[in-house]
Amino acid sequence: MVQWIITEGLTGYEKAVTDMEARADAIARGEADELIWLLEHPPLYTAGTSAEATDLRDPDRSSD
């Protein structure tokens, strides 16, 4: 069985990651069904591990 969740409005990125990691752990333990979660989080820029400060538009910006 697959569960569907549709969340209206913005969901904080950290909350989404935390919730998805917890769900993945529960699925791996056989305690939860698969989940399709439709959500929107605030804009996010991912620099990647090879990014240099000169590549970033605002290298001093906090990740909060």
N, C-alpha and C. Protein backbone atom coordinates (compact mmCIF):
# COMPACT_ATOMS: atom_id res chain seq x y z
N MET A 1 0.84 -1.18 0.00
CA MET A 1 0.00 0.00 0.00
C MET A 1 0.89 1.25 0.00
N VAL A 2 0.44 2.28 -0.67
CA VAL A 2 1.17 3.55 -0.72
C VAL A 2 0.27 4.63 -0.14
N GLN A 3 0.82 5.40 0.79
CA GLN A 3 0.08 6.50 1.39
C GLN A 3 0.42 7.79 0.64
N TRP A 4 -0.58 8.64 0.46
CA TRP A 4 -0.41 9.94 -0.17
C TRP A 4 -0.68 11.03 0.87
N ILE A 5 0.18 12.05 0.91
CA ILE A 5 -0.05 13.23 1.74
C ILE A 5 0.17 14.45 0.86
N ILE A 6 -0.77 15.37 0.89
CA ILE A 6 -0.63 16.64 0.19
C ILE A 6 -0.65 17.74 1.24
N THR A 7 0.44 18.47 1.35
CA THR A 7 0.56 19.53 2.34
C THR A 7 0.43 20.88 1.64
N GLU A 8 -0.53 21.66 2.07
CA GLU A 8 -0.72 22.99 1.49
C GLU A 8 0.20 23.99 2.16
N GLY A 9 0.58 25.02 1.44
CA GLY A 9 1.49 26.03 1.98
C GLY A 9 2.92 25.52 1.98
N LEU A 10 3.80 26.28 2.59
CA LEU A 10 5.21 25.91 2.62
C LEU A 10 5.52 25.01 3.82
N THR A 11 6.39 24.05 3.59
CA THR A 11 6.91 23.19 4.64
C THR A 11 8.39 23.50 4.75
N GLY A 12 8.86 23.78 5.94
CA GLY A 12 10.28 24.06 6.12
C GLY A 12 11.14 22.92 5.60
N TYR A 13 12.24 23.26 4.95
CA TYR A 13 13.11 22.25 4.34
C TYR A 13 13.62 21.26 5.39
N GLU A 14 14.11 21.77 6.53
CA GLU A 14 14.65 20.88 7.56
C GLU A 14 13.57 19.93 8.08
N LYS A 15 12.34 20.42 8.27
CA LYS A 15 11.25 19.56 8.72
C LYS A 15 10.98 18.47 7.69
N ALA A 16 10.96 18.85 6.42
CA ALA A 16 10.70 17.87 5.36
C ALA A 16 11.78 16.78 5.37
N VAL A 17 13.03 17.16 5.47
CA VAL A 17 14.12 16.19 5.47
C VAL A 17 14.02 15.27 6.69
N THR A 18 13.79 15.87 7.86
CA THR A 18 13.66 15.08 9.08
C THR A 18 12.52 14.08 8.99
N ASP A 19 11.36 14.55 8.52
CA ASP A 19 10.20 13.67 8.39
C ASP A 19 10.45 12.55 7.37
N MET A 20 11.09 12.88 6.24
CA MET A 20 11.35 11.86 5.22
C MET A 20 12.35 10.83 5.70
N GLU A 21 13.39 11.27 6.44
CA GLU A 21 14.37 10.32 6.96
C GLU A 21 13.72 9.38 7.98
N ALA A 22 12.85 9.93 8.84
CA ALA A 22 12.15 9.10 9.82
C ALA A 22 11.25 8.09 9.11
N ARG A 23 10.58 8.53 8.06
CA ARG A 23 9.68 7.62 7.32
C ARG A 23 10.49 6.53 6.64
N ALA A 24 11.62 6.88 6.04
CA ALA A 24 12.46 5.88 5.38
C ALA A 24 12.95 4.84 6.38
N ASP A 25 13.32 5.27 7.57
CA ASP A 25 13.73 4.32 8.61
C ASP A 25 12.57 3.40 9.00
N ALA A 26 11.37 3.96 9.16
CA ALA A 26 10.20 3.16 9.52
C ALA A 26 9.86 2.16 8.42
N ILE A 27 9.99 2.58 7.17
CA ILE A 27 9.73 1.66 6.04
C ILE A 27 10.75 0.52 6.07
N ALA A 28 12.02 0.86 6.30
CA ALA A 28 13.08 -0.16 6.33
C ALA A 28 12.84 -1.17 7.45
N ARG A 29 12.25 -0.73 8.56
CA ARG A 29 11.94 -1.63 9.68
C ARG A 29 10.62 -2.38 9.47
N GLY A 30 9.92 -2.08 8.39
CA GLY A 30 8.64 -2.72 8.12
C GLY A 30 7.50 -2.17 8.95
N GLU A 31 7.66 -0.96 9.49
CA GLU A 31 6.66 -0.36 10.37
C GLU A 31 5.78 0.68 9.68
N ALA A 32 6.05 0.98 8.41
CA ALA A 32 5.27 2.00 7.70
C ALA A 32 5.20 1.64 6.23
N ASP A 33 4.15 2.14 5.57
CA ASP A 33 3.99 1.97 4.14
C ASP A 33 4.80 3.01 3.39
N GLU A 34 4.98 2.75 2.10
CA GLU A 34 5.60 3.75 1.23
C GLU A 34 4.76 5.02 1.28
N LEU A 35 5.38 6.17 0.99
CA LEU A 35 4.70 7.45 1.08
C LEU A 35 5.05 8.33 -0.12
N ILE A 36 4.04 8.91 -0.70
CA ILE A 36 4.22 9.97 -1.69
C ILE A 36 3.74 11.24 -1.03
N TRP A 37 4.64 12.19 -0.85
CA TRP A 37 4.34 13.42 -0.12
C TRP A 37 4.53 14.60 -1.06
N LEU A 38 3.44 15.26 -1.41
CA LEU A 38 3.50 16.43 -2.27
C LEU A 38 3.56 17.66 -1.37
N LEU A 39 4.64 18.41 -1.48
CA LEU A 39 4.84 19.58 -0.64
C LEU A 39 5.67 20.60 -1.38
N GLU A 40 5.70 21.79 -0.82
CA GLU A 40 6.55 22.86 -1.35
C GLU A 40 7.34 23.42 -0.18
N HIS A 41 8.64 23.60 -0.39
CA HIS A 41 9.45 24.24 0.63
C HIS A 41 10.01 25.55 0.08
N PRO A 42 10.46 26.44 0.96
CA PRO A 42 11.00 27.71 0.48
C PRO A 42 12.16 27.47 -0.49
N PRO A 43 12.46 28.44 -1.35
CA PRO A 43 13.56 28.29 -2.31
C PRO A 43 14.86 27.87 -1.62
N LEU A 44 15.62 27.04 -2.30
CA LEU A 44 16.85 26.51 -1.73
C LEU A 44 17.89 26.45 -2.83
N TYR A 45 19.10 26.83 -2.50
CA TYR A 45 20.21 26.73 -3.44
C TYR A 45 21.17 25.69 -2.90
N THR A 46 21.48 24.68 -3.69
CA THR A 46 22.42 23.64 -3.29
C THR A 46 23.72 23.85 -4.04
N ALA A 47 24.77 24.13 -3.31
CA ALA A 47 26.06 24.41 -3.92
C ALA A 47 26.83 23.15 -4.26
N GLY A 48 26.66 22.11 -3.50
CA GLY A 48 27.41 20.88 -3.74
C GLY A 48 28.76 20.90 -3.04
N THR A 49 29.38 19.75 -2.96
CA THR A 49 30.63 19.62 -2.21
C THR A 49 31.82 20.25 -2.90
N SER A 50 31.75 20.47 -4.20
CA SER A 50 32.89 21.04 -4.91
C SER A 50 32.78 22.56 -5.10
N ALA A 51 31.74 23.17 -4.54
CA ALA A 51 31.55 24.62 -4.70
C ALA A 51 32.65 25.40 -3.99
N GLU A 52 33.06 26.47 -4.61
CA GLU A 52 34.05 27.38 -4.02
C GLU A 52 33.32 28.67 -3.66
N ALA A 53 33.85 29.42 -2.72
CA ALA A 53 33.21 30.67 -2.30
C ALA A 53 32.98 31.59 -3.49
N THR A 54 33.87 31.57 -4.46
CA THR A 54 33.71 32.44 -5.64
C THR A 54 32.56 32.00 -6.54
N ASP A 55 32.08 30.77 -6.38
CA ASP A 55 30.95 30.28 -7.16
C ASP A 55 29.62 30.77 -6.61
N LEU A 56 29.60 31.19 -5.36
CA LEU A 56 28.36 31.52 -4.68
C LEU A 56 28.02 32.99 -4.82
N ARG A 57 26.72 33.27 -4.93
CA ARG A 57 26.26 34.65 -5.05
C ARG A 57 26.41 35.41 -3.73
N ASP A 58 26.24 34.71 -2.61
CA ASP A 58 26.32 35.33 -1.28
C ASP A 58 27.01 34.34 -0.34
N PRO A 59 28.35 34.23 -0.42
CA PRO A 59 29.06 33.19 0.34
C PRO A 59 28.96 33.33 1.86
N ASP A 60 28.60 34.51 2.35
CA ASP A 60 28.49 34.72 3.80
C ASP A 60 27.10 34.46 4.35
N ARG A 61 26.18 34.11 3.49
CA ARG A 61 24.79 33.88 3.90
C ARG A 61 24.70 32.66 4.81
N SER A 62 23.91 32.79 5.84
CA SER A 62 23.71 31.70 6.79
C SER A 62 22.86 30.61 6.14
N SER A 63 23.02 29.38 6.61
CA SER A 63 22.22 28.27 6.10
C SER A 63 20.95 28.06 6.91
N ASP A 64 20.59 28.99 7.77
CA ASP A 64 19.38 28.88 8.61
C ASP A 64 18.13 28.89 7.78
